[in-house]
Amino acid sequence: MSAPDYHEVIAIEKRMKDAARKLHSMAGEVGMAITIIDYDSDRRKNLLARYAVKHIKAGESATAADALARSDAAYEAELNGLASTYEQAQATRKQWDAEYCSWDTARSLLARQRVTMDTMPETEQ
């Protein structure tokens, strides 16, 4: 294995700093994404309940109200909106995961370079 090059170390350090900045800038988006992902089931159930209650108030049974609510075009449109939001939240989480992987890889490479430099024999001048 060759000795670490100064420019290599600088490039890795830059990559790590860029990834850290990106992670910090994504904090708000990731927080919202986590909330959307964690509460997706509740949001879908709430949406169905809002549409079903209209049919229950009109005298339908709970089973019929559920079926009628699910067949409502407006319900389907709102459900698709929730699905789109969920998909965007998952994409944000995956983007954060990828950026974190980049940061962690750079951190590991820097640690390896440091160990390599510490174990290199000193050269005489």
C-alpha atoms as a PDB file:
ATOM      1  CA  MET A   1       0.000   0.000   0.000  1.00  0.00           C
ATOM      2  CA  SER A   2       1.336   3.402  -0.895  1.00  0.00           C
ATOM      3  CA  ALA A   3       1.650   6.283   1.525  1.00  0.00           C
ATOM      4  CA  PRO A   4      -1.339   8.599   1.691  1.00  0.00           C
ATOM      5  CA  ASP A   5      -0.991  11.613  -0.526  1.00  0.00           C
ATOM      6  CA  TYR A   6      -1.660  15.030   1.001  1.00  0.00           C
ATOM      7  CA  HIS A   7      -4.058  15.905  -1.840  1.00  0.00           C
ATOM      8  CA  GLU A   8      -5.954  12.656  -1.284  1.00  0.00           C
ATOM      9  CA  VAL A   9      -6.442  13.488   2.383  1.00  0.00           C
ATOM     10  CA  ILE A  10      -7.605  17.017   1.525  1.00  0.00           C
ATOM     11  CA  ALA A  11     -10.091  15.652  -1.044  1.00  0.00           C
ATOM     12  CA  ILE A  12     -11.505  13.164   1.459  1.00  0.00           C
ATOM     13  CA  GLU A  13     -11.757  15.866   4.121  1.00  0.00           C
ATOM     14  CA  LYS A  14     -13.611  18.151   1.671  1.00  0.00           C
ATOM     15  CA  ARG A  15     -15.997  15.332   0.802  1.00  0.00           C
ATOM     16  CA  MET A  16     -16.690  14.739   4.493  1.00  0.00           C
ATOM     17  CA  LYS A  17     -17.280  18.445   5.190  1.00  0.00           C
ATOM     18  CA  ASP A  18     -19.602  18.754   2.173  1.00  0.00           C
ATOM     19  CA  ALA A  19     -21.609  15.747   3.344  1.00  0.00           C
ATOM     20  CA  ALA A  20     -21.801  17.160   6.888  1.00  0.00           C
ATOM     21  CA  ARG A  21     -23.095  20.503   5.555  1.00  0.00           C
ATOM     22  CA  LYS A  22     -25.681  18.701   3.441  1.00  0.00           C
ATOM     23  CA  LEU A  23     -26.815  16.615   6.432  1.00  0.00           C
ATOM     24  CA  HIS A  24     -27.217  19.746   8.545  1.00  0.00           C
ATOM     25  CA  SER A  25     -29.166  21.528   5.810  1.00  0.00           C
ATOM     26  CA  MET A  26     -31.525  18.553   5.480  1.00  0.00           C
ATOM     27  CA  ALA A  27     -32.390  18.386   9.199  1.00  0.00           C
ATOM     28  CA  GLY A  28     -35.756  20.139   8.885  1.00  0.00           C
ATOM     29  CA  GLU A  29     -36.804  18.180   5.811  1.00  0.00           C
ATOM     30  CA  VAL A  30     -35.796  14.899   7.438  1.00  0.00           C
ATOM     31  CA  GLY A  31     -37.729  15.767  10.598  1.00  0.00           C
ATOM     32  CA  MET A  32     -40.879  16.392   8.568  1.00  0.00           C
ATOM     33  CA  ALA A  33     -40.271  13.245   6.535  1.00  0.00           C
ATOM     34  CA  ILE A  34     -39.959  11.117   9.670  1.00  0.00           C
ATOM     35  CA  THR A  35     -43.229  12.537  11.004  1.00  0.00           C
ATOM     36  CA  ILE A  36     -45.025  11.846   7.717  1.00  0.00           C
ATOM     37  CA  ILE A  37     -43.681   8.287   7.589  1.00  0.00           C
ATOM     38  CA  ASP A  38     -44.432   7.545  11.240  1.00  0.00           C
ATOM     39  CA  TYR A  39     -48.003   8.843  11.057  1.00  0.00           C
ATOM     40  CA  ASP A  40     -48.898   7.661   7.549  1.00  0.00           C
ATOM     41  CA  SER A  41     -51.199   4.904   8.801  1.00  0.00           C
ATOM     42  CA  ASP A  42     -53.044   7.290  11.130  1.00  0.00           C
ATOM     43  CA  ARG A  43     -53.424   9.866   8.362  1.00  0.00           C
ATOM     44  CA  ARG A  44     -54.941   7.289   5.992  1.00  0.00           C
ATOM     45  CA  LYS A  45     -57.322   6.000   8.670  1.00  0.00           C
ATOM     46  CA  ASN A  46     -58.394   9.548   9.527  1.00  0.00           C
ATOM     47  CA  LEU A  47     -59.053  10.292   5.866  1.00  0.00           C
ATOM     48  CA  LEU A  48     -61.225   7.187   5.492  1.00  0.00           C
ATOM     49  CA  ALA A  49     -63.113   8.036   8.681  1.00  0.00           C
ATOM     50  CA  ARG A  50     -63.895  11.561   7.401  1.00  0.00           C
ATOM     51  CA  TYR A  51     -65.483  10.132   4.268  1.00  0.00           C
ATOM     52  CA  ALA A  52     -67.212   7.212   6.004  1.00  0.00           C
ATOM     53  CA  VAL A  53     -68.861   9.383   8.654  1.00  0.00           C
ATOM     54  CA  LYS A  54     -70.835  11.237   5.954  1.00  0.00           C
ATOM     55  CA  HIS A  55     -72.428   7.932   4.909  1.00  0.00           C
ATOM     56  CA  ILE A  56     -73.034   6.810   8.483  1.00  0.00           C
ATOM     57  CA  LYS A  57     -74.861  10.083   9.184  1.00  0.00           C
ATOM     58  CA  ALA A  58     -76.946   9.380   6.084  1.00  0.00           C
ATOM     59  CA  GLY A  59     -78.099   6.109   7.673  1.00  0.00           C
ATOM     60  CA  GLU A  60     -75.710   3.589   6.114  1.00  0.00           C
ATOM     61  CA  SER A  61     -74.187   0.749   8.163  1.00  0.00           C
ATOM     62  CA  ALA A  62     -70.527   0.991   9.090  1.00  0.00           C
ATOM     63  CA  THR A  63     -69.613  -1.640   6.497  1.00  0.00           C
ATOM     64  CA  ALA A  64     -71.581   0.077   3.748  1.00  0.00           C
ATOM     65  CA  ALA A  65     -70.205   3.488   4.765  1.00  0.00           C
ATOM     66  CA  ASP A  66     -66.658   2.110   4.525  1.00  0.00           C
ATOM     67  CA  ALA A  67     -67.281   0.727   1.026  1.00  0.00           C
ATOM     68  CA  LEU A  68     -68.987   3.907  -0.135  1.00  0.00           C
ATOM     69  CA  ALA A  69     -66.206   6.084   1.262  1.00  0.00           C
ATOM     70  CA  ARG A  70     -63.526   4.024  -0.482  1.00  0.00           C
ATOM     71  CA  SER A  71     -65.375   4.304  -3.804  1.00  0.00           C
ATOM     72  CA  ASP A  72     -65.652   8.100  -3.539  1.00  0.00           C
ATOM     73  CA  ALA A  73     -63.511   9.813  -6.208  1.00  0.00           C
ATOM     74  CA  ALA A  74     -62.632  12.669  -3.839  1.00  0.00           C
ATOM     75  CA  TYR A  75     -61.425  10.147  -1.230  1.00  0.00           C
ATOM     76  CA  GLU A  76     -59.270   8.434  -3.837  1.00  0.00           C
ATOM     77  CA  ALA A  77     -57.778  11.766  -4.929  1.00  0.00           C
ATOM     78  CA  GLU A  78     -56.914  12.706  -1.330  1.00  0.00           C
ATOM     79  CA  LEU A  79     -55.524   9.225  -0.695  1.00  0.00           C
ATOM     80  CA  ASN A  80     -53.302   9.586  -3.766  1.00  0.00           C
ATOM     81  CA  GLY A  81     -52.145  12.927  -2.369  1.00  0.00           C
ATOM     82  CA  LEU A  82     -51.181  11.220   0.896  1.00  0.00           C
ATOM     83  CA  ALA A  83     -49.364   8.522  -1.062  1.00  0.00           C
ATOM     84  CA  SER A  84     -47.429  11.167  -2.987  1.00  0.00           C
ATOM     85  CA  THR A  85     -46.463  12.929   0.241  1.00  0.00           C
ATOM     86  CA  TYR A  86     -45.381   9.604   1.749  1.00  0.00           C
ATOM     87  CA  GLU A  87     -43.294   8.822  -1.342  1.00  0.00           C
ATOM     88  CA  GLN A  88     -41.568  12.214  -1.124  1.00  0.00           C
ATOM     89  CA  ALA A  89     -40.891  11.637   2.584  1.00  0.00           C
ATOM     90  CA  GLN A  90     -39.320   8.255   1.829  1.00  0.00           C
ATOM     91  CA  ALA A  91     -37.177   9.836  -0.902  1.00  0.00           C
ATOM     92  CA  THR A  92     -35.969  12.474   1.582  1.00  0.00           C
ATOM     93  CA  ARG A  93     -35.083   9.777   4.115  1.00  0.00           C
ATOM     94  CA  LYS A  94     -33.199   7.780   1.489  1.00  0.00           C
ATOM     95  CA  GLN A  95     -31.355  10.898   0.333  1.00  0.00           C
ATOM     96  CA  TRP A  96     -30.334  11.550   3.949  1.00  0.00           C
ATOM     97  CA  ASP A  97     -29.239   7.916   4.338  1.00  0.00           C
ATOM     98  CA  ALA A  98     -27.105   8.168   1.187  1.00  0.00           C
ATOM     99  CA  GLU A  99     -25.538  11.434   2.336  1.00  0.00           C
ATOM    100  CA  TYR A 100     -24.850   9.936   5.765  1.00  0.00           C
ATOM    101  CA  CYS A 101     -23.198   6.951   4.081  1.00  0.00           C
ATOM    102  CA  SER A 102     -20.986   9.345   2.122  1.00  0.00           C
ATOM    103  CA  TRP A 103     -20.043  11.203   5.316  1.00  0.00           C
ATOM    104  CA  ASP A 104     -19.336   7.962   7.181  1.00  0.00           C
ATOM    105  CA  THR A 105     -17.239   6.597   4.324  1.00  0.00           C
ATOM    106  CA  ALA A 106     -15.136   9.759   4.264  1.00  0.00           C
ATOM    107  CA  ARG A 107     -14.751   9.582   8.041  1.00  0.00           C
ATOM    108  CA  SER A 108     -13.533   5.985   7.781  1.00  0.00           C
ATOM    109  CA  LEU A 109     -11.133   6.829   4.971  1.00  0.00           C
ATOM    110  CA  LEU A 110      -9.655   9.687   6.979  1.00  0.00           C
ATOM    111  CA  ALA A 111      -9.233   7.409   9.988  1.00  0.00           C
ATOM    112  CA  ARG A 112      -7.497   4.850   7.789  1.00  0.00           C
ATOM    113  CA  GLN A 113      -5.206   7.492   6.329  1.00  0.00           C
ATOM    114  CA  ARG A 114      -4.346   8.687   9.838  1.00  0.00           C
ATOM    115  CA  VAL A 115      -3.415   5.143  10.931  1.00  0.00           C
ATOM    116  CA  THR A 116      -1.372   4.659   7.773  1.00  0.00           C
ATOM    117  CA  MET A 117       0.509   7.894   8.399  1.00  0.00           C
ATOM    118  CA  ASP A 118       1.133   6.955  12.047  1.00  0.00           C
ATOM    119  CA  THR A 119       2.593   3.577  11.112  1.00  0.00           C
ATOM    120  CA  MET A 120       4.806   4.810   8.278  1.00  0.00           C
ATOM    121  CA  PRO A 121       8.519   4.718   9.024  1.00  0.00           C
ATOM    122  CA  GLU A 122      10.088   8.134   9.174  1.00  0.00           C
ATOM    123  CA  THR A 123      12.350   8.898   6.253  1.00  0.00           C
ATOM    124  CA  GLU A 124      15.794  10.262   6.777  1.00  0.00           C
ATOM    125  CA  GLN A 125      16.756  13.425   5.003  1.00  0.00           C
END
